[in-house]
Protein backbone atom coordinates (compact mmCIF):
# COMPACT_ATOMS: atom_id res chain seq x y z
CA MET A 1 0.57 30.43 -22.22
CA HIS A 2 -2.60 29.80 -20.20
CA PHE A 3 -2.50 27.88 -16.92
CA LEU A 4 -5.06 25.13 -17.55
CA SER A 5 -5.37 23.63 -14.10
CA ASN A 6 -6.55 24.46 -10.59
CA LEU A 7 -5.81 22.49 -7.44
CA HIS A 8 -7.36 24.87 -4.90
CA THR A 9 -11.04 24.16 -5.45
CA HIS A 10 -13.91 24.08 -2.96
CA SER A 11 -17.17 22.24 -3.56
CA ILE A 12 -20.39 21.69 -1.62
CA TYR A 13 -18.45 19.30 0.61
CA SER A 14 -17.16 22.38 2.46
CA ASP A 15 -17.95 26.02 1.65
CA GLY A 16 -18.16 25.90 -2.12
CA ALA A 17 -21.31 26.62 -4.11
CA ASP A 18 -21.16 23.81 -6.67
CA SER A 19 -21.11 20.03 -6.83
CA PRO A 20 -17.86 18.34 -7.84
CA GLU A 21 -19.30 17.22 -11.17
CA ALA A 22 -20.52 20.72 -12.02
CA ILE A 23 -16.99 21.95 -11.33
CA VAL A 24 -15.48 19.25 -13.54
CA ARG A 25 -17.80 20.24 -16.38
CA ALA A 26 -16.83 23.89 -15.96
CA ALA A 27 -13.15 22.93 -16.02
CA LEU A 28 -13.70 21.00 -19.24
CA GLY A 29 -15.41 24.04 -20.71
CA LYS A 30 -12.30 26.09 -19.96
CA GLY A 31 -10.04 23.52 -21.61
CA PHE A 32 -8.36 22.49 -18.37
CA ARG A 33 -5.86 19.66 -18.43
CA SER A 34 -6.37 18.87 -14.74
CA ILE A 35 -8.57 19.83 -11.80
CA GLY A 36 -8.05 19.08 -8.13
CA PHE A 37 -10.50 19.26 -5.24
CA SER A 38 -9.30 20.63 -1.92
CA ASP A 39 -12.24 21.01 0.43
CA HIS A 40 -11.53 22.25 3.95
CA SER A 41 -10.56 19.66 6.56
CA TYR A 42 -12.89 19.03 9.48
CA LEU A 43 -12.89 21.46 12.40
CA GLU A 44 -15.38 20.93 15.19
CA GLY A 45 -18.12 23.55 15.20
CA GLU A 46 -17.06 25.24 11.96
CA ASN A 47 -19.70 25.20 9.21
CA TRP A 48 -17.24 26.21 6.47
CA CYS A 49 -15.37 22.92 6.85
CA MET A 50 -16.08 19.43 5.65
CA LYS A 51 -18.26 17.44 8.02
CA TYR A 52 -16.40 14.64 9.77
CA ALA A 53 -18.78 11.97 8.48
CA ALA A 54 -18.52 13.21 4.88
CA ALA A 55 -14.85 12.47 4.27
CA GLY A 56 -15.41 8.99 2.86
CA ASP A 57 -18.17 10.16 0.53
CA TYR A 58 -16.02 13.06 -0.63
CA ALA A 59 -13.10 10.80 -1.51
CA ALA A 60 -15.33 8.25 -3.21
CA GLU A 61 -17.10 10.86 -5.35
CA ILE A 62 -13.87 12.47 -6.57
CA LYS A 63 -12.37 9.08 -7.44
CA LYS A 64 -15.56 8.11 -9.28
CA LEU A 65 -15.44 11.32 -11.30
CA ALA A 66 -11.79 10.67 -12.14
CA GLN A 67 -12.82 7.37 -13.70
CA LYS A 68 -15.88 8.80 -15.46
CA TYR A 69 -13.93 11.60 -17.13
CA SER A 70 -10.72 9.66 -17.75
CA GLY A 71 -9.24 10.66 -21.09
CA GLN A 72 -10.94 14.06 -20.98
CA ILE A 73 -9.37 15.66 -17.91
CA GLU A 74 -7.19 14.56 -15.00
CA ILE A 75 -9.09 14.77 -11.70
CA TYR A 76 -7.27 14.70 -8.37
CA LEU A 77 -8.34 14.19 -4.78
CA GLY A 78 -6.84 16.77 -2.45
CA ILE A 79 -7.61 18.54 0.79
CA GLU A 80 -6.93 21.95 2.28
CA PHE A 81 -5.69 20.87 5.67
CA ASP A 82 -6.04 23.41 8.45
CA SER A 83 -3.33 23.89 11.06
CA SER A 84 -5.92 23.19 13.78
CA SER A 85 -7.27 19.97 12.24
CA ASP A 86 -6.35 16.52 13.53
CA PRO A 87 -4.65 14.35 10.87
CA VAL A 88 -6.22 11.24 12.42
CA PHE A 89 -9.54 12.17 10.81
CA TYR A 90 -8.10 11.37 7.37
CA LYS A 91 -5.60 8.61 8.10
CA ASP A 92 -7.46 6.11 5.90
CA ILE A 93 -7.79 8.36 2.83
CA ALA A 94 -5.11 8.34 0.14
CA PHE A 95 -5.03 11.94 -1.07
CA ASP A 96 -3.27 12.77 -4.31
CA TYR A 97 -1.97 15.99 -2.76
CA LYS A 98 -2.37 18.11 0.37
CA ILE A 99 -2.58 21.87 0.80
CA ALA A 100 -1.51 23.37 4.14
CA ALA A 101 -3.29 26.46 5.46
CA VAL A 102 -3.43 28.67 8.55
CA HIS A 103 -6.68 30.56 9.11
CA GLU A 104 -6.52 31.85 12.67
CA PHE A 105 -4.84 33.94 15.33
CA ARG A 106 -4.47 32.53 18.85
CA ASN A 107 -3.44 34.09 22.13
CA GLU A 108 -1.67 32.43 25.05
CA ARG A 109 -4.98 31.32 26.57
CA GLY A 110 -6.04 29.50 23.42
CA GLN A 111 -8.66 32.06 22.43
CA LYS A 112 -8.86 32.25 18.65
CA TRP A 113 -10.00 34.64 15.94
CA ALA A 114 -10.31 34.05 12.19
CA VAL A 115 -7.61 35.77 10.15
CA ASP A 116 -9.80 36.08 7.05
CA ASP A 117 -13.43 36.36 8.19
CA THR A 118 -14.09 40.12 8.42
CA ALA A 119 -12.01 43.25 8.84
CA GLU A 120 -13.78 43.84 12.17
CA ILE A 121 -12.71 40.44 13.52
CA PHE A 122 -9.18 41.06 12.26
CA ALA A 123 -9.12 44.40 14.07
CA GLU A 124 -10.48 42.84 17.27
CA ALA A 125 -7.88 40.07 17.21
CA THR A 126 -4.89 42.29 16.54
CA LYS A 127 -6.02 44.77 19.17
CA SER A 128 -6.47 42.05 21.78
CA ILE A 129 -3.21 40.23 21.04
CA GLY A 130 -1.19 43.16 19.73
CA LEU A 131 -0.77 43.73 16.01
CA GLU A 132 2.86 42.72 15.62
CA LYS A 133 2.53 39.83 18.05
CA ALA A 134 -0.58 38.50 16.29
CA ILE A 135 0.91 38.61 12.81
CA CYS A 136 4.26 37.19 13.90
CA GLY A 137 2.28 34.48 15.69
CA TYR A 138 0.47 33.68 12.45
CA TYR A 139 3.76 33.17 10.63
CA GLN A 140 5.16 31.16 13.54
CA THR A 141 2.09 28.90 13.45
CA MET A 142 2.72 28.43 9.75
CA SER A 143 6.37 27.59 10.37
CA ASP A 144 5.46 25.04 13.04
CA PHE A 145 2.74 23.52 10.89
CA ILE A 146 4.94 23.17 7.82
CA GLY A 147 7.56 21.52 10.00
CA SER A 148 5.13 18.91 11.34
CA PHE A 149 2.77 18.31 8.41
CA LYS A 150 3.93 17.08 5.02
CA ALA A 151 2.19 19.32 2.50
CA ASP A 152 2.61 19.59 -1.24
CA ILE A 153 1.33 23.18 -1.49
CA ILE A 154 1.21 26.12 0.94
CA ALA A 155 -2.03 28.07 0.54
CA HIS A 156 -2.41 31.87 0.61
CA PHE A 157 0.95 32.33 2.38
CA ASP A 158 0.32 35.91 3.52
CA LEU A 159 -3.40 35.62 4.27
CA VAL A 160 -2.93 38.28 6.96
CA LYS A 161 -2.93 40.95 4.24
CA LYS A 162 -6.49 40.19 3.13
CA PHE A 163 -7.96 43.32 4.77
CA ASN A 164 -4.81 45.43 4.49
CA ARG A 165 -5.57 47.20 1.22
CA GLY A 166 -3.74 50.55 1.23
CA GLY A 167 -1.84 49.58 4.39
CA ARG A 168 -4.97 49.89 6.52
CA PHE A 169 -3.60 47.82 9.40
CA PHE A 170 0.17 47.45 8.92
CA ASP A 171 3.14 48.25 6.72
CA GLU A 172 4.32 45.25 4.68
CA GLY A 173 7.66 47.01 4.31
CA ALA A 174 8.34 47.07 8.06
CA ASP A 175 11.37 45.06 9.14
CA TRP A 176 9.41 43.03 11.70
CA TYR A 177 6.87 41.98 9.05
CA ILE A 178 9.46 41.06 6.42
CA ASN A 179 11.46 39.06 8.96
CA ALA A 180 8.36 37.15 10.09
CA ALA A 181 7.32 36.32 6.52
CA PHE A 182 10.83 35.33 5.44
CA GLY A 183 11.22 33.16 8.53
CA ALA A 184 8.16 31.14 7.51
CA LEU A 185 9.40 31.07 3.92
CA GLU A 186 12.59 29.37 5.10
CA LYS A 187 10.45 26.56 6.50
CA VAL A 188 8.73 26.23 3.13
CA GLN A 189 12.12 25.90 1.47
CA GLU A 190 13.23 23.25 3.98
CA SER A 191 10.02 21.28 3.47
CA GLY A 192 10.24 21.19 -0.31
CA ALA A 193 6.65 22.41 -0.65
CA ILE A 194 5.26 24.60 -3.43
CA ILE A 195 4.07 28.15 -2.83
CA GLU A 196 0.66 28.91 -4.32
CA VAL A 197 0.01 32.18 -6.13
CA ASN A 198 -3.58 32.48 -4.92
CA THR A 199 -6.09 34.75 -6.67
CA GLY A 200 -9.04 34.06 -4.37
CA GLY A 201 -8.86 37.33 -2.44
CA MET A 202 -9.11 39.19 -5.73
CA ALA A 203 -12.02 37.08 -6.97
CA ARG A 204 -13.99 37.95 -3.84
CA GLY A 205 -13.19 41.66 -4.11
CA TYR A 206 -10.94 42.09 -1.07
CA MET A 207 -7.63 42.67 -2.80
CA ASP A 208 -5.98 44.10 -5.88
CA GLU A 209 -3.19 41.52 -6.08
CA PRO A 210 -2.72 37.82 -5.40
CA TYR A 211 -1.21 36.15 -2.36
CA PRO A 212 1.67 36.28 -1.74
CA SER A 213 3.02 39.78 -2.30
CA GLU A 214 5.69 40.28 -4.93
CA PHE A 215 8.55 40.76 -2.46
CA ILE A 216 7.74 37.32 -1.02
CA LEU A 217 7.58 35.77 -4.47
CA LYS A 218 10.91 37.36 -5.33
CA ARG A 219 12.44 35.80 -2.22
CA ALA A 220 10.91 32.46 -3.16
CA LEU A 221 12.58 32.68 -6.57
CA GLU A 222 15.93 33.59 -5.00
CA THR A 223 15.76 30.62 -2.63
CA GLY A 224 14.55 28.09 -5.21
CA ILE A 225 11.01 27.60 -3.91
CA PRO A 226 8.70 26.43 -6.72
CA VAL A 227 5.33 28.07 -7.33
CA THR A 228 1.96 27.11 -8.74
CA VAL A 229 -1.19 29.10 -9.47
CA GLY A 230 -4.52 28.51 -7.73
CA SER A 231 -7.80 30.37 -7.64
CA ASP A 232 -9.08 29.18 -4.23
CA SER A 233 -12.33 28.84 -6.12
CA HIS A 234 -15.66 28.64 -4.29
CA ARG A 235 -17.72 28.99 -7.47
CA LYS A 236 -17.15 27.23 -10.78
CA GLU A 237 -17.06 30.57 -12.61
CA THR A 238 -13.82 31.56 -10.84
CA LEU A 239 -11.76 28.44 -11.53
CA ASP A 240 -9.20 30.41 -13.55
CA PHE A 241 -9.74 33.89 -12.11
CA TYR A 242 -6.83 36.23 -12.95
CA PHE A 243 -4.57 33.36 -13.99
CA ASP A 244 -3.11 35.29 -16.93
CA GLY A 245 -2.38 38.23 -14.61
CA ALA A 246 -0.71 35.93 -12.07
CA LEU A 247 1.51 34.46 -14.77
CA GLU A 248 2.46 37.95 -15.92
CA ILE A 249 3.51 38.85 -12.38
CA LEU A 250 5.64 35.71 -12.17
CA ARG A 251 7.27 36.38 -15.54
CA SER A 252 8.05 39.96 -14.54
CA LEU A 253 9.82 38.69 -11.42
CA GLY A 254 11.93 36.26 -13.42
CA PHE A 255 10.09 32.95 -13.03
CA GLY A 256 10.41 30.72 -16.06
CA SER A 257 8.08 27.93 -15.01
CA VAL A 258 5.34 26.93 -12.62
CA LYS A 259 4.24 23.59 -11.20
CA MET A 260 1.18 21.81 -12.60
CA LEU A 261 -0.12 18.42 -11.45
CA LEU A 262 -0.08 16.21 -14.55
CA GLY A 263 0.21 12.46 -14.82
CA GLY A 264 0.22 12.20 -11.05
CA THR A 265 3.33 14.32 -10.56
CA PHE A 266 4.09 18.02 -10.19
CA ALA A 267 5.58 18.92 -13.54
CA ASP A 268 7.39 22.11 -14.52
CA VAL A 269 5.42 24.03 -17.14
CA GLU A 270 7.16 26.87 -18.94
CA ILE A 271 5.50 30.28 -18.77
């Protein structure tokens, strides 16, 4: 079985390389049943996010494409909503789905560092805040965000491992790390959201496995949290990057199905 959909897709409206229509055409070429756009929500001063004034144009273009390609592929309007964004910016837009994401560390004074920019920034942040405190703070931010923001999908759950290949910065098997991750996972379960198996870190050469790690996925299965697959694509060529491998991981852990947005609802698709 191939997973013929992707809901974590970035276009030129944020930090993607391609126009929405070019992405739709690429999805059609791959035989996709559905494609969703999830450009980054507005954050003041951040050039990787959607511009505040562009939100209406973004929504209108995706809806127009959905009409143009009706009968060929299902096209959905989504957003990757950052934990530091203000929901008021999008109160008048009817999204088909929302992805929740945390991208930063913060200290008590409000100083912030990107979790996923460079390994050097990650090192600076965790040294300044304290490694364990920074990472536990990341998961606490996620817990708080999930509790206050109604999301359909949780993006790259353990983004903090992006630069941790070979255990460079921390041990994922440490009790403090497992407890922090599982604590946030409990909030996902309570919210009813879907965990995304995200292959974007692999596509960009940072990692050898998807987010989240297998022990987190195993816990998700045990606690009844549904999963989907997303490529966090920033180029049309990577829309389905490592999808077959992600499905194999899920099957090996005991998952029998994944969620796919079809007909306007998240359907269970057997794997």
